[in-house]
Amino acid sequence: RTKTVSDDLEVEATTVKKLQANILNLEKDLKLKHIEVGRLNTEKGLLERRVDKEHRSALHYQQLLEESKTPLTVAQAEIESLKKDLIAAHRHELSLNKVTDKIA
């Protein structure tokens, strides 16, 4: 009977050693995962700051584009106005030529 208890004790000791080794391995894995999570959080923070910077830059260039369109629109409107004035002046010139031809 003592042999059975001794055998059972040895089996339990072996099982405890295996479980302790397993726990140690799990703790190491957990520590590595924790380190990896920290690294990924740091990387995520860097990427978020980079995205924010690029977003601000894109907004800045979009604003510059909109501001550059305003002078172009004004210039195009002025060109159209000058074209209308030119057409009106040409019509007036033609009518004056007709009047001049009638008088002569």
C-alpha atoms as a PDB file:
ATOM      1  CA  ARG A   1       0.000   0.000   0.000  1.00  0.00           C
ATOM      2  CA  THR A   2       2.878   2.424   0.716  1.00  0.00           C
ATOM      3  CA  LYS A   3       4.246   1.679  -2.733  1.00  0.00           C
ATOM      4  CA  THR A   4       0.950   2.698  -4.278  1.00  0.00           C
ATOM      5  CA  VAL A   5       0.956   5.933  -2.309  1.00  0.00           C
ATOM      6  CA  SER A   6       4.589   6.527  -3.327  1.00  0.00           C
ATOM      7  CA  ASP A   7       3.747   5.844  -6.963  1.00  0.00           C
ATOM      8  CA  ASP A   8       0.738   8.134  -6.750  1.00  0.00           C
ATOM      9  CA  LEU A   9       2.928  10.791  -5.141  1.00  0.00           C
ATOM     10  CA  GLU A  10       5.499  10.475  -7.938  1.00  0.00           C
ATOM     11  CA  VAL A  11       2.784  10.715 -10.582  1.00  0.00           C
ATOM     12  CA  GLU A  12       1.373  13.789  -8.849  1.00  0.00           C
ATOM     13  CA  ALA A  13       4.855  15.317  -8.575  1.00  0.00           C
ATOM     14  CA  THR A  14       5.459  14.681 -12.284  1.00  0.00           C
ATOM     15  CA  THR A  15       2.064  16.170 -13.127  1.00  0.00           C
ATOM     16  CA  VAL A  16       2.806  19.216 -10.945  1.00  0.00           C
ATOM     17  CA  LYS A  17       6.195  19.683 -12.662  1.00  0.00           C
ATOM     18  CA  LYS A  18       4.544  19.465 -16.106  1.00  0.00           C
ATOM     19  CA  LEU A  19       1.860  21.922 -15.026  1.00  0.00           C
ATOM     20  CA  GLN A  20       4.475  24.305 -13.596  1.00  0.00           C
ATOM     21  CA  ALA A  21       6.469  24.090 -16.832  1.00  0.00           C
ATOM     22  CA  ASN A  22       3.281  24.708 -18.779  1.00  0.00           C
ATOM     23  CA  ILE A  23       2.437  27.705 -16.567  1.00  0.00           C
ATOM     24  CA  LEU A  24       5.956  29.068 -17.038  1.00  0.00           C
ATOM     25  CA  ASN A  25       5.647  28.748 -20.824  1.00  0.00           C
ATOM     26  CA  LEU A  26       2.225  30.420 -20.764  1.00  0.00           C
ATOM     27  CA  GLU A  27       3.609  33.266 -18.627  1.00  0.00           C
ATOM     28  CA  LYS A  28       6.467  33.744 -21.112  1.00  0.00           C
ATOM     29  CA  ASP A  29       3.997  33.764 -24.007  1.00  0.00           C
ATOM     30  CA  LEU A  30       1.825  36.243 -22.135  1.00  0.00           C
ATOM     31  CA  LYS A  31       4.822  38.500 -21.508  1.00  0.00           C
ATOM     32  CA  LEU A  32       5.773  38.361 -25.200  1.00  0.00           C
ATOM     33  CA  LYS A  33       2.188  39.126 -26.187  1.00  0.00           C
ATOM     34  CA  HIS A  34       2.155  42.047 -23.763  1.00  0.00           C
ATOM     35  CA  ILE A  35       5.358  43.412 -25.295  1.00  0.00           C
ATOM     36  CA  GLU A  36       3.910  42.952 -28.785  1.00  0.00           C
ATOM     37  CA  VAL A  37       0.719  44.773 -27.775  1.00  0.00           C
ATOM     38  CA  GLY A  38       2.810  47.668 -26.480  1.00  0.00           C
ATOM     39  CA  ARG A  39       4.777  47.793 -29.726  1.00  0.00           C
ATOM     40  CA  LEU A  40       1.600  47.682 -31.804  1.00  0.00           C
ATOM     41  CA  ASN A  41       0.033  50.459 -29.709  1.00  0.00           C
ATOM     42  CA  THR A  42       3.111  52.603 -30.254  1.00  0.00           C
ATOM     43  CA  GLU A  43       3.033  51.888 -33.988  1.00  0.00           C
ATOM     44  CA  LYS A  44      -0.687  52.635 -34.078  1.00  0.00           C
ATOM     45  CA  GLY A  45      -0.083  55.987 -32.384  1.00  0.00           C
ATOM     46  CA  LEU A  46       2.613  56.868 -34.906  1.00  0.00           C
ATOM     47  CA  LEU A  47       0.379  55.905 -37.815  1.00  0.00           C
ATOM     48  CA  GLU A  48      -2.549  57.889 -36.413  1.00  0.00           C
ATOM     49  CA  ARG A  49      -0.357  60.980 -36.073  1.00  0.00           C
ATOM     50  CA  ARG A  50       0.893  60.464 -39.648  1.00  0.00           C
ATOM     51  CA  VAL A  51      -2.691  60.119 -40.913  1.00  0.00           C
ATOM     52  CA  ASP A  52      -3.705  63.295 -39.054  1.00  0.00           C
ATOM     53  CA  LYS A  53      -0.737  65.151 -40.537  1.00  0.00           C
ATOM     54  CA  GLU A  54      -1.580  63.943 -44.060  1.00  0.00           C
ATOM     55  CA  HIS A  55      -5.232  64.891 -43.524  1.00  0.00           C
ATOM     56  CA  ARG A  56      -4.261  68.417 -42.454  1.00  0.00           C
ATOM     57  CA  SER A  57      -1.931  68.648 -45.437  1.00  0.00           C
ATOM     58  CA  ALA A  58      -4.679  67.507 -47.815  1.00  0.00           C
ATOM     59  CA  LEU A  59      -7.078  70.076 -46.346  1.00  0.00           C
ATOM     60  CA  HIS A  60      -4.434  72.778 -46.759  1.00  0.00           C
ATOM     61  CA  TYR A  61      -3.874  71.911 -50.413  1.00  0.00           C
ATOM     62  CA  GLN A  62      -7.612  71.681 -51.013  1.00  0.00           C
ATOM     63  CA  GLN A  63      -7.990  75.168 -49.548  1.00  0.00           C
ATOM     64  CA  LEU A  64      -5.167  76.455 -51.760  1.00  0.00           C
ATOM     65  CA  LEU A  65      -6.897  74.906 -54.767  1.00  0.00           C
ATOM     66  CA  GLU A  66     -10.181  76.599 -53.896  1.00  0.00           C
ATOM     67  CA  GLU A  67      -8.390  79.918 -53.379  1.00  0.00           C
ATOM     68  CA  SER A  68      -6.670  79.577 -56.757  1.00  0.00           C
ATOM     69  CA  LYS A  69     -10.011  78.957 -58.465  1.00  0.00           C
ATOM     70  CA  THR A  70     -11.386  82.328 -57.306  1.00  0.00           C
ATOM     71  CA  PRO A  71      -8.985  84.526 -59.352  1.00  0.00           C
ATOM     72  CA  LEU A  72      -9.500  82.239 -62.336  1.00  0.00           C
ATOM     73  CA  THR A  73     -13.281  82.576 -62.053  1.00  0.00           C
ATOM     74  CA  VAL A  74     -12.978  86.346 -61.737  1.00  0.00           C
ATOM     75  CA  ALA A  75     -10.662  86.503 -64.759  1.00  0.00           C
ATOM     76  CA  GLN A  76     -12.999  84.312 -66.820  1.00  0.00           C
ATOM     77  CA  ALA A  77     -15.967  86.516 -65.891  1.00  0.00           C
ATOM     78  CA  GLU A  78     -13.972  89.609 -66.874  1.00  0.00           C
ATOM     79  CA  ILE A  79     -13.050  87.997 -70.201  1.00  0.00           C
ATOM     80  CA  GLU A  80     -16.721  87.244 -70.906  1.00  0.00           C
ATOM     81  CA  SER A  81     -17.667  90.812 -70.000  1.00  0.00           C
ATOM     82  CA  LEU A  82     -14.961  92.200 -72.304  1.00  0.00           C
ATOM     83  CA  LYS A  83     -16.132  89.919 -75.113  1.00  0.00           C
ATOM     84  CA  LYS A  84     -19.682  91.251 -74.706  1.00  0.00           C
ATOM     85  CA  ASP A  85     -18.358  94.828 -74.689  1.00  0.00           C
ATOM     86  CA  LEU A  86     -16.341  94.081 -77.821  1.00  0.00           C
ATOM     87  CA  ILE A  87     -19.379  92.620 -79.606  1.00  0.00           C
ATOM     88  CA  ALA A  88     -21.469  95.627 -78.556  1.00  0.00           C
ATOM     89  CA  ALA A  89     -18.758  98.023 -79.759  1.00  0.00           C
ATOM     90  CA  HIS A  90     -18.517  96.152 -83.072  1.00  0.00           C
ATOM     91  CA  ARG A  91     -22.305  96.385 -83.543  1.00  0.00           C
ATOM     92  CA  HIS A  92     -22.167 100.079 -82.727  1.00  0.00           C
ATOM     93  CA  GLU A  93     -19.352 100.513 -85.244  1.00  0.00           C
ATOM     94  CA  LEU A  94     -21.401  98.704 -87.913  1.00  0.00           C
ATOM     95  CA  SER A  95     -24.421 100.869 -87.211  1.00  0.00           C
ATOM     96  CA  LEU A  96     -22.246 104.002 -87.416  1.00  0.00           C
ATOM     97  CA  ASN A  97     -20.821 102.765 -90.723  1.00  0.00           C
ATOM     98  CA  LYS A  98     -24.377 102.307 -92.056  1.00  0.00           C
ATOM     99  CA  VAL A  99     -25.295 105.827 -90.974  1.00  0.00           C
ATOM    100  CA  THR A 100     -22.098 107.179 -92.562  1.00  0.00           C
ATOM    101  CA  ASP A 101     -22.853 105.306 -95.812  1.00  0.00           C
ATOM    102  CA  LYS A 102     -26.396 106.765 -95.900  1.00  0.00           C
ATOM    103  CA  ILE A 103     -25.076 110.280 -95.429  1.00  0.00           C
ATOM    104  CA  ALA A 104     -22.394 109.940 -98.070  1.00  0.00           C
END
